[in-house]
Amino acid sequence: MARRVDPERHEARRLQIIGAGLTVLAERGYEGATTAAICREAGIGSGTFFHYFATKTELVLAILELGTAETVEKAAALEGRTDPLGVLLDLLGSWADDAADPRIPGFVRAVAGVMHLPTVAAALAADDRAQRDLLLPWIERGQATGEVRTDLPPARIASWLALLSGGFLERVSVDDAFTVDTERDLLVATARVFLLGHGSAADATTGTRR
């Protein structure tokens, strides 16, 4: 008789391995993050690791897919909001906050080394689509209510917001002096100025509109 699998326990172990993988990849990079090191960090044997992930690349994909799933889940959490501009700025701020995890910069550098792999490129593209799909409805609502500039199409605004968010994360990953604590508010202020389509950085910080 086949052994029954407890779904909750299975998922908990999977997330345990993903967390250990994120830690080791951040510390050692893709090449240096051996499965043996990940197993030690997770406190598991190699057999358990390969039961969940056939390769180290599959683990990287799982980490990326988890991030994409969290982006999709944000949509449900925003239901009922009636302030499109506030939602868009909160999203930029939350993505910046995600980079506060000290492992994220190292993981970004690790992924950069394997972006040429088709599966990794596809996972990154899926994450980008999820981010834009989350932004677009709120940009459209903001334009309809007059809270967001209308001189640019929604898709183009979404692309620029994604660029701001992605560029922020990339900078955090390569510049130790550029931190979430010191730069987050300026990111949100910059996004506000861009979304309004007029004003200054000082206006964005104080909330003044001309």
N, C-alpha and C. Protein backbone atom coordinates (compact mmCIF):
# COMPACT_ATOMS: atom_id res chain seq x y z
N MET A 1 0.85 -1.19 0.00
CA MET A 1 0.00 0.00 0.00
C MET A 1 0.89 1.25 0.00
N ALA A 2 0.56 2.17 -0.91
CA ALA A 2 1.38 3.38 -1.03
C ALA A 2 1.22 4.26 0.20
N ARG A 3 2.30 4.90 0.59
CA ARG A 3 2.27 5.79 1.75
C ARG A 3 1.53 7.07 1.40
N ARG A 4 0.59 7.46 2.25
CA ARG A 4 -0.16 8.68 2.01
C ARG A 4 0.72 9.89 2.31
N VAL A 5 0.56 10.91 1.48
CA VAL A 5 1.34 12.13 1.64
C VAL A 5 0.48 13.20 2.29
N ASP A 6 0.98 13.77 3.35
CA ASP A 6 0.29 14.88 4.01
C ASP A 6 0.60 16.16 3.22
N PRO A 7 -0.38 16.74 2.52
CA PRO A 7 -0.11 17.91 1.67
C PRO A 7 0.51 19.07 2.43
N GLU A 8 0.05 19.34 3.64
CA GLU A 8 0.58 20.47 4.40
C GLU A 8 2.03 20.23 4.80
N ARG A 9 2.31 19.01 5.22
CA ARG A 9 3.69 18.69 5.60
C ARG A 9 4.60 18.73 4.37
N HIS A 10 4.08 18.23 3.25
CA HIS A 10 4.86 18.24 2.00
C HIS A 10 5.20 19.67 1.60
N GLU A 11 4.20 20.57 1.66
CA GLU A 11 4.44 21.95 1.27
C GLU A 11 5.36 22.66 2.25
N ALA A 12 5.23 22.34 3.54
CA ALA A 12 6.10 22.95 4.55
C ALA A 12 7.56 22.56 4.30
N ARG A 13 7.79 21.29 3.96
CA ARG A 13 9.17 20.86 3.68
C ARG A 13 9.68 21.52 2.41
N ARG A 14 8.82 21.63 1.42
CA ARG A 14 9.21 22.28 0.17
C ARG A 14 9.62 23.74 0.43
N LEU A 15 8.84 24.44 1.22
CA LEU A 15 9.16 25.83 1.54
C LEU A 15 10.43 25.93 2.39
N GLN A 16 10.67 24.94 3.21
CA GLN A 16 11.91 24.88 4.00
C GLN A 16 13.11 24.81 3.08
N ILE A 17 13.03 23.96 2.06
CA ILE A 17 14.13 23.82 1.11
C ILE A 17 14.30 25.09 0.29
N ILE A 18 13.18 25.69 -0.11
CA ILE A 18 13.25 26.94 -0.87
C ILE A 18 13.92 28.03 -0.04
N GLY A 19 13.56 28.13 1.23
CA GLY A 19 14.18 29.13 2.09
C GLY A 19 15.67 28.91 2.24
N ALA A 20 16.07 27.64 2.41
CA ALA A 20 17.50 27.31 2.52
C ALA A 20 18.21 27.62 1.22
N GLY A 21 17.55 27.30 0.11
CA GLY A 21 18.16 27.58 -1.20
C GLY A 21 18.36 29.06 -1.41
N LEU A 22 17.37 29.86 -1.02
CA LEU A 22 17.50 31.31 -1.16
C LEU A 22 18.69 31.81 -0.36
N THR A 23 18.86 31.30 0.85
CA THR A 23 19.98 31.72 1.70
C THR A 23 21.32 31.36 1.07
N VAL A 24 21.46 30.13 0.61
CA VAL A 24 22.74 29.67 0.07
C VAL A 24 23.04 30.32 -1.27
N LEU A 25 22.05 30.46 -2.12
CA LEU A 25 22.26 31.13 -3.41
C LEU A 25 22.69 32.58 -3.19
N ALA A 26 22.09 33.24 -2.21
CA ALA A 26 22.45 34.62 -1.92
C ALA A 26 23.89 34.74 -1.44
N GLU A 27 24.32 33.76 -0.65
CA GLU A 27 25.67 33.82 -0.06
C GLU A 27 26.75 33.38 -1.05
N ARG A 28 26.45 32.38 -1.88
CA ARG A 28 27.49 31.75 -2.70
C ARG A 28 27.34 31.96 -4.20
N GLY A 29 26.22 32.51 -4.64
CA GLY A 29 25.99 32.61 -6.07
C GLY A 29 25.52 31.27 -6.62
N TYR A 30 25.15 31.27 -7.90
CA TYR A 30 24.59 30.05 -8.48
C TYR A 30 25.61 28.92 -8.53
N GLU A 31 26.79 29.20 -9.00
CA GLU A 31 27.80 28.14 -9.15
C GLU A 31 28.25 27.61 -7.79
N GLY A 32 28.37 28.50 -6.81
CA GLY A 32 28.87 28.08 -5.51
C GLY A 32 27.83 27.42 -4.63
N ALA A 33 26.56 27.58 -4.99
CA ALA A 33 25.49 27.01 -4.17
C ALA A 33 25.27 25.55 -4.56
N THR A 34 26.06 24.67 -3.97
CA THR A 34 25.91 23.25 -4.26
C THR A 34 24.67 22.70 -3.56
N THR A 35 24.16 21.60 -4.10
CA THR A 35 23.01 20.97 -3.45
C THR A 35 23.39 20.48 -2.05
N ALA A 36 24.65 20.09 -1.88
CA ALA A 36 25.10 19.64 -0.56
C ALA A 36 25.00 20.79 0.45
N ALA A 37 25.40 22.00 0.03
CA ALA A 37 25.33 23.16 0.92
C ALA A 37 23.88 23.51 1.24
N ILE A 38 23.03 23.39 0.25
CA ILE A 38 21.61 23.68 0.47
C ILE A 38 21.00 22.66 1.42
N CYS A 39 21.38 21.40 1.27
CA CYS A 39 20.89 20.36 2.17
C CYS A 39 21.33 20.60 3.61
N ARG A 40 22.58 21.03 3.77
CA ARG A 40 23.07 21.33 5.12
C ARG A 40 22.29 22.48 5.74
N GLU A 41 22.04 23.49 4.94
CA GLU A 41 21.30 24.65 5.43
C GLU A 41 19.87 24.26 5.82
N ALA A 42 19.28 23.36 5.04
CA ALA A 42 17.91 22.94 5.29
C ALA A 42 17.81 21.84 6.35
N GLY A 43 18.95 21.21 6.65
CA GLY A 43 18.94 20.12 7.61
C GLY A 43 18.29 18.86 7.07
N ILE A 44 18.54 18.58 5.79
CA ILE A 44 17.94 17.42 5.15
C ILE A 44 19.02 16.62 4.42
N GLY A 45 18.68 15.42 4.01
CA GLY A 45 19.58 14.62 3.20
C GLY A 45 19.38 14.91 1.73
N SER A 46 20.34 14.49 0.91
CA SER A 46 20.25 14.76 -0.53
C SER A 46 19.05 14.06 -1.16
N GLY A 47 18.68 12.91 -0.62
CA GLY A 47 17.53 12.20 -1.16
C GLY A 47 16.26 13.01 -1.02
N THR A 48 16.13 13.71 0.11
CA THR A 48 14.95 14.55 0.32
C THR A 48 14.95 15.72 -0.65
N PHE A 49 16.13 16.33 -0.86
CA PHE A 49 16.22 17.44 -1.80
C PHE A 49 15.75 17.01 -3.18
N PHE A 50 16.29 15.90 -3.68
CA PHE A 50 15.97 15.47 -5.04
C PHE A 50 14.56 14.91 -5.16
N HIS A 51 13.94 14.62 -4.05
CA HIS A 51 12.52 14.25 -4.08
C HIS A 51 11.67 15.45 -4.48
N TYR A 52 12.12 16.64 -4.07
CA TYR A 52 11.37 17.86 -4.35
C TYR A 52 11.85 18.58 -5.60
N PHE A 53 13.16 18.55 -5.84
CA PHE A 53 13.73 19.30 -6.96
C PHE A 53 14.75 18.43 -7.67
N ALA A 54 14.54 18.22 -8.95
CA ALA A 54 15.45 17.35 -9.72
C ALA A 54 16.81 18.00 -9.91
N THR A 55 16.85 19.33 -9.99
CA THR A 55 18.10 20.05 -10.21
C THR A 55 18.11 21.34 -9.41
N LYS A 56 19.27 21.93 -9.31
CA LYS A 56 19.40 23.23 -8.65
C LYS A 56 18.63 24.30 -9.42
N THR A 57 18.60 24.18 -10.74
CA THR A 57 17.86 25.15 -11.55
C THR A 57 16.38 25.10 -11.23
N GLU A 58 15.86 23.90 -10.98
CA GLU A 58 14.45 23.78 -10.61
C GLU A 58 14.17 24.52 -9.31
N LEU A 59 15.11 24.50 -8.40
CA LEU A 59 14.95 25.24 -7.15
C LEU A 59 14.91 26.74 -7.41
N VAL A 60 15.79 27.23 -8.27
CA VAL A 60 15.78 28.65 -8.63
C VAL A 60 14.43 29.02 -9.23
N LEU A 61 13.91 28.17 -10.10
CA LEU A 61 12.62 28.43 -10.73
C LEU A 61 11.51 28.47 -9.68
N ALA A 62 11.59 27.59 -8.70
CA ALA A 62 10.58 27.56 -7.64
C ALA A 62 10.59 28.86 -6.84
N ILE A 63 11.78 29.39 -6.58
CA ILE A 63 11.89 30.65 -5.85
C ILE A 63 11.27 31.78 -6.67
N LEU A 64 11.57 31.82 -7.96
CA LEU A 64 11.02 32.85 -8.84
C LEU A 64 9.50 32.72 -8.94
N GLU A 65 9.02 31.49 -9.07
CA GLU A 65 7.58 31.27 -9.20
C GLU A 65 6.84 31.64 -7.92
N LEU A 66 7.50 31.44 -6.79
CA LEU A 66 6.88 31.82 -5.52
C LEU A 66 6.70 33.33 -5.46
N GLY A 67 7.70 34.06 -5.94
CA GLY A 67 7.59 35.51 -5.99
C GLY A 67 6.48 35.97 -6.92
N THR A 68 6.34 35.29 -8.06
CA THR A 68 5.27 35.61 -9.00
C THR A 68 3.91 35.35 -8.38
N ALA A 69 3.78 34.23 -7.67
CA ALA A 69 2.52 33.90 -7.01
C ALA A 69 2.15 34.96 -5.98
N GLU A 70 3.14 35.46 -5.27
CA GLU A 70 2.87 36.50 -4.27
C GLU A 70 2.38 37.78 -4.94
N THR A 71 2.91 38.08 -6.13
CA THR A 71 2.45 39.24 -6.88
C THR A 71 0.98 39.08 -7.26
N VAL A 72 0.63 37.89 -7.74
CA VAL A 72 -0.76 37.61 -8.12
C VAL A 72 -1.68 37.73 -6.91
N GLU A 73 -1.22 37.27 -5.76
CA GLU A 73 -2.04 37.32 -4.55
C GLU A 73 -2.29 38.74 -4.07
N LYS A 74 -1.40 39.65 -4.43
CA LYS A 74 -1.60 41.04 -4.03
C LYS A 74 -2.90 41.60 -4.60
N ALA A 75 -3.31 41.11 -5.77
CA ALA A 75 -4.52 41.61 -6.41
C ALA A 75 -5.73 41.40 -5.52
N ALA A 76 -5.84 40.23 -4.92
CA ALA A 76 -6.97 39.94 -4.04
C ALA A 76 -6.94 40.83 -2.80
N ALA A 77 -5.75 41.10 -2.30
CA ALA A 77 -5.63 41.92 -1.09
C ALA A 77 -6.03 43.37 -1.34
N LEU A 78 -6.04 43.78 -2.61
CA LEU A 78 -6.35 45.17 -2.94
C LEU A 78 -7.83 45.38 -3.24
N GLU A 79 -8.59 44.32 -3.29
CA GLU A 79 -10.02 44.44 -3.60
C GLU A 79 -10.70 45.36 -2.59
N GLY A 80 -11.52 46.24 -3.10
CA GLY A 80 -12.23 47.16 -2.23
C GLY A 80 -11.59 48.53 -2.12
N ARG A 81 -10.33 48.63 -2.53
CA ARG A 81 -9.66 49.94 -2.50
C ARG A 81 -10.29 50.86 -3.54
N THR A 82 -10.37 52.12 -3.24
CA THR A 82 -10.97 53.09 -4.15
C THR A 82 -10.02 54.25 -4.46
N ASP A 83 -8.74 54.05 -4.15
CA ASP A 83 -7.75 55.11 -4.37
C ASP A 83 -6.66 54.60 -5.30
N PRO A 84 -6.88 54.65 -6.60
CA PRO A 84 -5.91 54.07 -7.55
C PRO A 84 -4.48 54.58 -7.37
N LEU A 85 -4.31 55.87 -7.20
CA LEU A 85 -2.95 56.41 -7.04
C LEU A 85 -2.31 55.84 -5.79
N GLY A 86 -3.07 55.78 -4.71
CA GLY A 86 -2.54 55.21 -3.47
C GLY A 86 -2.16 53.75 -3.62
N VAL A 87 -2.98 53.00 -4.36
CA VAL A 87 -2.67 51.59 -4.59
C VAL A 87 -1.37 51.44 -5.36
N LEU A 88 -1.22 52.21 -6.42
CA LEU A 88 -0.01 52.11 -7.24
C LEU A 88 1.24 52.46 -6.44
N LEU A 89 1.15 53.48 -5.62
CA LEU A 89 2.31 53.85 -4.80
C LEU A 89 2.58 52.81 -3.73
N ASP A 90 1.51 52.23 -3.18
CA ASP A 90 1.69 51.17 -2.19
C ASP A 90 2.36 49.95 -2.81
N LEU A 91 2.01 49.65 -4.06
CA LEU A 91 2.63 48.51 -4.74
C LEU A 91 4.12 48.74 -4.95
N LEU A 92 4.47 49.94 -5.41
CA LEU A 92 5.90 50.24 -5.58
C LEU A 92 6.62 50.14 -4.25
N GLY A 93 6.00 50.65 -3.20
CA GLY A 93 6.61 50.59 -1.88
C GLY A 93 6.75 49.16 -1.38
N SER A 94 5.74 48.32 -1.64
CA SER A 94 5.81 46.94 -1.17
C SER A 94 6.88 46.16 -1.91
N TRP A 95 7.05 46.43 -3.20
CA TRP A 95 8.11 45.75 -3.95
C TRP A 95 9.48 46.20 -3.47
N ALA A 96 9.58 47.46 -3.09
CA ALA A 96 10.85 47.92 -2.52
C ALA A 96 11.09 47.23 -1.18
N ASP A 97 10.04 47.10 -0.37
CA ASP A 97 10.18 46.46 0.93
C ASP A 97 10.63 45.00 0.80
N ASP A 98 10.19 44.34 -0.27
CA ASP A 98 10.61 42.95 -0.48
C ASP A 98 12.13 42.85 -0.58
N ALA A 99 12.75 43.89 -1.11
CA ALA A 99 14.21 43.89 -1.28
C ALA A 99 14.94 44.09 0.03
N ALA A 100 14.18 44.37 1.11
CA ALA A 100 14.82 44.55 2.41
C ALA A 100 15.31 43.23 2.99
N ASP A 101 14.79 42.11 2.50
CA ASP A 101 15.30 40.80 2.90
C ASP A 101 16.78 40.75 2.50
N PRO A 102 17.69 40.58 3.45
CA PRO A 102 19.12 40.65 3.12
C PRO A 102 19.57 39.59 2.11
N ARG A 103 18.74 38.58 1.88
CA ARG A 103 19.11 37.55 0.91
C ARG A 103 18.79 37.94 -0.52
N ILE A 104 17.88 38.88 -0.69
CA ILE A 104 17.39 39.19 -2.03
C ILE A 104 18.48 39.74 -2.96
N PRO A 105 19.30 40.72 -2.52
CA PRO A 105 20.34 41.21 -3.43
C PRO A 105 21.25 40.10 -3.95
N GLY A 106 21.67 39.20 -3.06
CA GLY A 106 22.53 38.11 -3.49
C GLY A 106 21.82 37.16 -4.44
N PHE A 107 20.54 36.93 -4.20
CA PHE A 107 19.78 36.06 -5.08
C PHE A 107 19.63 36.69 -6.46
N VAL A 108 19.42 37.99 -6.50
CA VAL A 108 19.32 38.69 -7.79
C VAL A 108 20.61 38.51 -8.58
N ARG A 109 21.75 38.64 -7.89
CA ARG A 109 23.03 38.45 -8.57
C ARG A 109 23.18 37.01 -9.05
N ALA A 110 22.72 36.06 -8.25
CA ALA A 110 22.81 34.65 -8.64
C ALA A 110 21.97 34.37 -9.89
N VAL A 111 20.76 34.92 -9.92
CA VAL A 111 19.88 34.71 -11.07
C VAL A 111 20.45 35.37 -12.33
N ALA A 112 21.11 36.51 -12.14
CA ALA A 112 21.71 37.19 -13.30
C ALA A 112 22.68 36.29 -14.04
N GLY A 113 23.30 35.36 -13.32
CA GLY A 113 24.27 34.47 -13.95
C GLY A 113 23.65 33.35 -14.76
N VAL A 114 22.34 33.16 -14.60
CA VAL A 114 21.68 32.07 -15.34
C VAL A 114 20.48 32.56 -16.14
N MET A 115 20.42 33.86 -16.38
CA MET A 115 19.32 34.42 -17.16
C MET A 115 19.29 33.91 -18.59
N HIS A 116 20.42 33.38 -19.06
CA HIS A 116 20.48 32.88 -20.42
C HIS A 116 19.74 31.55 -20.58
N LEU A 117 19.46 30.88 -19.48
CA LEU A 117 18.75 29.61 -19.55
C LEU A 117 17.29 29.88 -19.92
N PRO A 118 16.76 29.19 -20.93
CA PRO A 118 15.39 29.46 -21.38
C PRO A 118 14.35 29.37 -20.26
N THR A 119 14.49 28.40 -19.37
CA THR A 119 13.50 28.24 -18.30
C THR A 119 13.55 29.41 -17.32
N VAL A 120 14.74 29.88 -17.04
CA VAL A 120 14.88 31.03 -16.13
C VAL A 120 14.35 32.29 -16.80
N ALA A 121 14.69 32.47 -18.07
CA ALA A 121 14.19 33.64 -18.81
C ALA A 121 12.67 33.64 -18.86
N ALA A 122 12.08 32.46 -19.04
CA ALA A 122 10.62 32.35 -19.09
C ALA A 122 10.00 32.69 -17.74
N ALA A 123 10.63 32.24 -16.65
CA ALA A 123 10.12 32.53 -15.31
C ALA A 123 10.20 34.03 -15.01
N LEU A 124 11.28 34.66 -15.42
CA LEU A 124 11.42 36.09 -15.22
C LEU A 124 10.39 36.86 -16.04
N ALA A 125 10.13 36.40 -17.26
CA ALA A 125 9.12 37.03 -18.11
C ALA A 125 7.73 36.89 -17.50
N ALA A 126 7.46 35.73 -16.92
CA ALA A 126 6.16 35.50 -16.28
C ALA A 126 5.98 36.44 -15.08
N ASP A 127 7.06 36.64 -14.32
CA ASP A 127 7.00 37.55 -13.18
C ASP A 127 6.74 38.98 -13.65
N ASP A 128 7.39 39.37 -14.74
CA ASP A 128 7.19 40.71 -15.28
C ASP A 128 5.75 40.89 -15.74
N ARG A 129 5.19 39.87 -16.40
CA ARG A 129 3.79 39.95 -16.84
C ARG A 129 2.85 40.07 -15.65
N ALA A 130 3.11 39.29 -14.61
CA ALA A 130 2.25 39.34 -13.42
C ALA A 130 2.27 40.73 -12.79
N GLN A 131 3.45 41.32 -12.76
CA GLN A 131 3.58 42.66 -12.20
C GLN A 131 2.79 43.67 -13.01
N ARG A 132 2.93 43.60 -14.32
CA ARG A 132 2.22 44.55 -15.19
C ARG A 132 0.71 44.33 -15.15
N ASP A 133 0.30 43.05 -15.10
CA ASP A 133 -1.13 42.73 -15.03
C ASP A 133 -1.75 43.28 -13.74
N LEU A 134 -0.95 43.33 -12.68
CA LEU A 134 -1.43 43.89 -11.42
C LEU A 134 -1.54 45.41 -11.51
N LEU A 135 -0.60 46.03 -12.19
CA LEU A 135 -0.57 47.49 -12.28
C LEU A 135 -1.65 48.05 -13.22
N LEU A 136 -1.85 47.40 -14.35
CA LEU A 136 -2.68 47.97 -15.42
C LEU A 136 -4.09 48.39 -14.98
N PRO A 137 -4.86 47.53 -14.30
CA PRO A 137 -6.21 47.95 -13.94
C PRO A 137 -6.24 49.20 -13.06
N TRP A 138 -5.25 49.31 -12.18
CA TRP A 138 -5.22 50.47 -11.29
C TRP A 138 -4.78 51.72 -12.02
N ILE A 139 -3.92 51.57 -13.01
CA ILE A 139 -3.56 52.72 -13.85
C ILE A 139 -4.79 53.20 -14.62
N GLU A 140 -5.53 52.25 -15.18
CA GLU A 140 -6.73 52.60 -15.95
C GLU A 140 -7.77 53.28 -15.06
N ARG A 141 -7.95 52.76 -13.85
CA ARG A 141 -8.90 53.39 -12.92
C ARG A 141 -8.43 54.78 -12.53
N GLY A 142 -7.12 54.91 -12.31
CA GLY A 142 -6.57 56.20 -11.96
C GLY A 142 -6.74 57.23 -13.07
N GLN A 143 -6.59 56.79 -14.31
CA GLN A 143 -6.81 57.70 -15.42
C GLN A 143 -8.28 58.11 -15.51
N ALA A 144 -9.18 57.15 -15.24
CA ALA A 144 -10.62 57.43 -15.31
C ALA A 144 -11.06 58.42 -14.25
N THR A 145 -10.38 58.39 -13.09
CA THR A 145 -10.76 59.30 -11.99
C THR A 145 -9.94 60.58 -11.98
N GLY A 146 -8.98 60.70 -12.89
CA GLY A 146 -8.16 61.90 -12.94
C GLY A 146 -7.00 61.90 -11.98
N GLU A 147 -6.71 60.75 -11.35
CA GLU A 147 -5.60 60.67 -10.40
C GLU A 147 -4.27 60.35 -11.08
N VAL A 148 -4.34 59.81 -12.28
CA VAL A 148 -3.14 59.39 -13.00
C VAL A 148 -3.11 60.08 -14.36
N ARG A 149 -1.94 60.47 -14.78
CA ARG A 149 -1.76 61.16 -16.05
C ARG A 149 -2.43 60.40 -17.19
N THR A 150 -2.92 61.12 -18.18
CA THR A 150 -3.60 60.49 -19.31
C THR A 150 -2.88 60.74 -20.63
N ASP A 151 -1.70 61.36 -20.55
CA ASP A 151 -0.97 61.64 -21.79
C ASP A 151 -0.19 60.42 -22.28
N LEU A 152 -0.15 59.35 -21.49
CA LEU A 152 0.52 58.12 -21.89
C LEU A 152 -0.47 56.96 -21.76
N PRO A 153 -0.38 55.95 -22.63
CA PRO A 153 -1.27 54.80 -22.51
C PRO A 153 -0.93 53.98 -21.27
N PRO A 154 -1.91 53.28 -20.70
CA PRO A 154 -1.68 52.51 -19.48
C PRO A 154 -0.52 51.53 -19.57
N ALA A 155 -0.39 50.85 -20.70
CA ALA A 155 0.68 49.85 -20.83
C ALA A 155 2.05 50.51 -20.74
N ARG A 156 2.18 51.70 -21.28
CA ARG A 156 3.47 52.39 -21.22
C ARG A 156 3.77 52.85 -19.80
N ILE A 157 2.75 53.32 -19.10
CA ILE A 157 2.94 53.71 -17.70
C ILE A 157 3.35 52.49 -16.87
N ALA A 158 2.69 51.36 -17.11
CA ALA A 158 3.03 50.13 -16.39
C ALA A 158 4.47 49.72 -16.66
N SER A 159 4.92 49.88 -17.90
CA SER A 159 6.30 49.54 -18.24
C SER A 159 7.29 50.40 -17.47
N TRP A 160 6.98 51.69 -17.34
CA TRP A 160 7.88 52.57 -16.61
C TRP A 160 7.87 52.29 -15.12
N LEU A 161 6.72 51.95 -14.58
CA LEU A 161 6.68 51.59 -13.16
C LEU A 161 7.46 50.31 -12.91
N ALA A 162 7.34 49.35 -13.83
CA ALA A 162 8.11 48.11 -13.71
C ALA A 162 9.60 48.41 -13.81
N LEU A 163 9.95 49.36 -14.67
CA LEU A 163 11.35 49.75 -14.81
C LEU A 163 11.87 50.38 -13.52
N LEU A 164 11.07 51.23 -12.91
CA LEU A 164 11.46 51.84 -11.64
C LEU A 164 11.67 50.77 -10.57
N SER A 165 10.73 49.86 -10.48
CA SER A 165 10.82 48.81 -9.46
C SER A 165 12.01 47.89 -9.72
N GLY A 166 12.16 47.45 -10.97
CA GLY A 166 13.26 46.55 -11.32
C GLY A 166 14.61 47.22 -11.18
N GLY A 167 14.69 48.48 -11.59
CA GLY A 167 15.95 49.21 -11.46
C GLY A 167 16.33 49.43 -10.02
N PHE A 168 15.33 49.68 -9.18
CA PHE A 168 15.58 49.83 -7.74
C PHE A 168 16.17 48.55 -7.17
N LEU A 169 15.55 47.41 -7.49
CA LEU A 169 16.03 46.14 -6.98
C LEU A 169 17.44 45.84 -7.49
N GLU A 170 17.68 46.13 -8.75
CA GLU A 170 19.02 45.88 -9.30
C GLU A 170 20.06 46.74 -8.61
N ARG A 171 19.72 47.99 -8.33
CA ARG A 171 20.69 48.89 -7.69
C ARG A 171 20.98 48.43 -6.26
N VAL A 172 19.93 48.01 -5.56
CA VAL A 172 20.12 47.49 -4.20
C VAL A 172 21.06 46.29 -4.21
N SER A 173 21.00 45.50 -5.28
CA SER A 173 21.79 44.27 -5.35
C SER A 173 23.26 44.51 -5.66
N VAL A 174 23.60 45.70 -6.20
CA VAL A 174 24.99 45.92 -6.60
C VAL A 174 25.67 47.06 -5.84
N ASP A 175 24.91 47.84 -5.10
CA ASP A 175 25.47 49.01 -4.42
C ASP A 175 25.12 48.95 -2.94
N ASP A 176 26.10 48.66 -2.10
CA ASP A 176 25.86 48.52 -0.66
C ASP A 176 25.37 49.82 -0.03
N ALA A 177 25.71 50.96 -0.64
CA ALA A 177 25.29 52.24 -0.08
C ALA A 177 23.85 52.59 -0.46
N PHE A 178 23.30 51.85 -1.42
CA PHE A 178 21.94 52.10 -1.90
C PHE A 178 21.04 51.08 -1.22
N THR A 179 20.36 51.48 -0.16
CA THR A 179 19.58 50.53 0.64
C THR A 179 18.09 50.85 0.60
N VAL A 180 17.30 49.88 0.96
CA VAL A 180 15.86 50.09 1.02
C VAL A 180 15.53 51.16 2.04
N ASP A 181 16.18 51.14 3.18
CA ASP A 181 15.90 52.11 4.24
C ASP A 181 16.14 53.54 3.78
N THR A 182 17.21 53.75 3.02
CA THR A 182 17.57 55.12 2.64
C THR A 182 16.87 55.59 1.36
N GLU A 183 16.47 54.66 0.50
CA GLU A 183 15.99 55.06 -0.83
C GLU A 183 14.51 54.76 -1.10
N ARG A 184 13.86 54.00 -0.23
CA ARG A 184 12.48 53.60 -0.51
C ARG A 184 11.56 54.80 -0.72
N ASP A 185 11.60 55.75 0.20
CA ASP A 185 10.69 56.89 0.13
C ASP A 185 10.92 57.70 -1.15
N LEU A 186 12.17 57.79 -1.57
CA LEU A 186 12.46 58.54 -2.80
C LEU A 186 11.93 57.79 -4.02
N LEU A 187 11.98 56.47 -3.98
CA LEU A 187 11.39 55.68 -5.07
C LEU A 187 9.91 55.98 -5.19
N VAL A 188 9.20 55.94 -4.07
CA VAL A 188 7.76 56.19 -4.08
C VAL A 188 7.46 57.62 -4.51
N ALA A 189 8.27 58.57 -4.04
CA ALA A 189 8.09 59.97 -4.43
C ALA A 189 8.30 60.15 -5.93
N THR A 190 9.31 59.48 -6.47
CA THR A 190 9.59 59.56 -7.91
C THR A 190 8.43 58.97 -8.71
N ALA A 191 7.90 57.85 -8.22
CA ALA A 191 6.76 57.22 -8.90
C ALA A 191 5.54 58.14 -8.87
N ARG A 192 5.35 58.82 -7.76
CA ARG A 192 4.21 59.74 -7.64
C ARG A 192 4.31 60.86 -8.67
N VAL A 193 5.49 61.46 -8.77
CA VAL A 193 5.70 62.54 -9.75
C VAL A 193 5.40 62.02 -11.15
N PHE A 194 5.91 60.84 -11.46
CA PHE A 194 5.70 60.26 -12.79
C PHE A 194 4.21 60.01 -13.04
N LEU A 195 3.52 59.46 -12.07
CA LEU A 195 2.11 59.13 -12.26
C LEU A 195 1.24 60.37 -12.40
N LEU A 196 1.60 61.44 -11.68
CA LEU A 196 0.85 62.68 -11.79
C LEU A 196 1.12 63.37 -13.12
N GLY A 197 2.36 63.24 -13.60
CA GLY A 197 2.69 63.84 -14.88
C GLY A 197 3.06 65.31 -14.80
N HIS A 198 3.15 65.85 -13.58
CA HIS A 198 3.56 67.24 -13.41
C HIS A 198 4.04 67.41 -11.98
N GLY A 199 4.55 68.57 -11.66
CA GLY A 199 5.01 68.83 -10.30
C GLY A 199 6.49 68.54 -10.14
N SER A 200 6.93 68.45 -8.90
CA SER A 200 8.34 68.25 -8.58
C SER A 200 8.48 67.17 -7.54
N ALA A 201 9.71 66.78 -7.28
CA ALA A 201 9.96 65.79 -6.24
C ALA A 201 9.48 66.31 -4.88
N ALA A 202 9.62 67.59 -4.64
CA ALA A 202 9.16 68.16 -3.39
C ALA A 202 7.64 68.04 -3.29
N ASP A 203 6.94 68.26 -4.41
CA ASP A 203 5.49 68.09 -4.42
C ASP A 203 5.11 66.66 -4.06
N ALA A 204 5.86 65.72 -4.62
CA ALA A 204 5.54 64.31 -4.37
C ALA A 204 5.72 63.96 -2.91
N THR A 205 6.75 64.50 -2.31
CA THR A 205 7.02 64.17 -0.91
C THR A 205 5.95 64.75 0.02
N THR A 206 5.49 65.95 -0.30
CA THR A 206 4.52 66.60 0.58
C THR A 206 3.08 66.31 0.17
N GLY A 207 2.91 65.73 -1.03
CA GLY A 207 1.56 65.44 -1.49
C GLY A 207 0.90 66.64 -2.15
N THR A 208 1.67 67.74 -2.42
CA THR A 208 1.11 68.93 -3.04
C THR A 208 0.92 68.72 -4.53
N ARG A 209 -0.22 69.14 -5.05
CA ARG A 209 -0.45 69.08 -6.49
C ARG A 209 -0.68 70.48 -7.01
N ARG A 210 -0.11 70.73 -8.17
CA ARG A 210 -0.27 72.05 -8.77
C ARG A 210 -1.43 72.04 -9.76
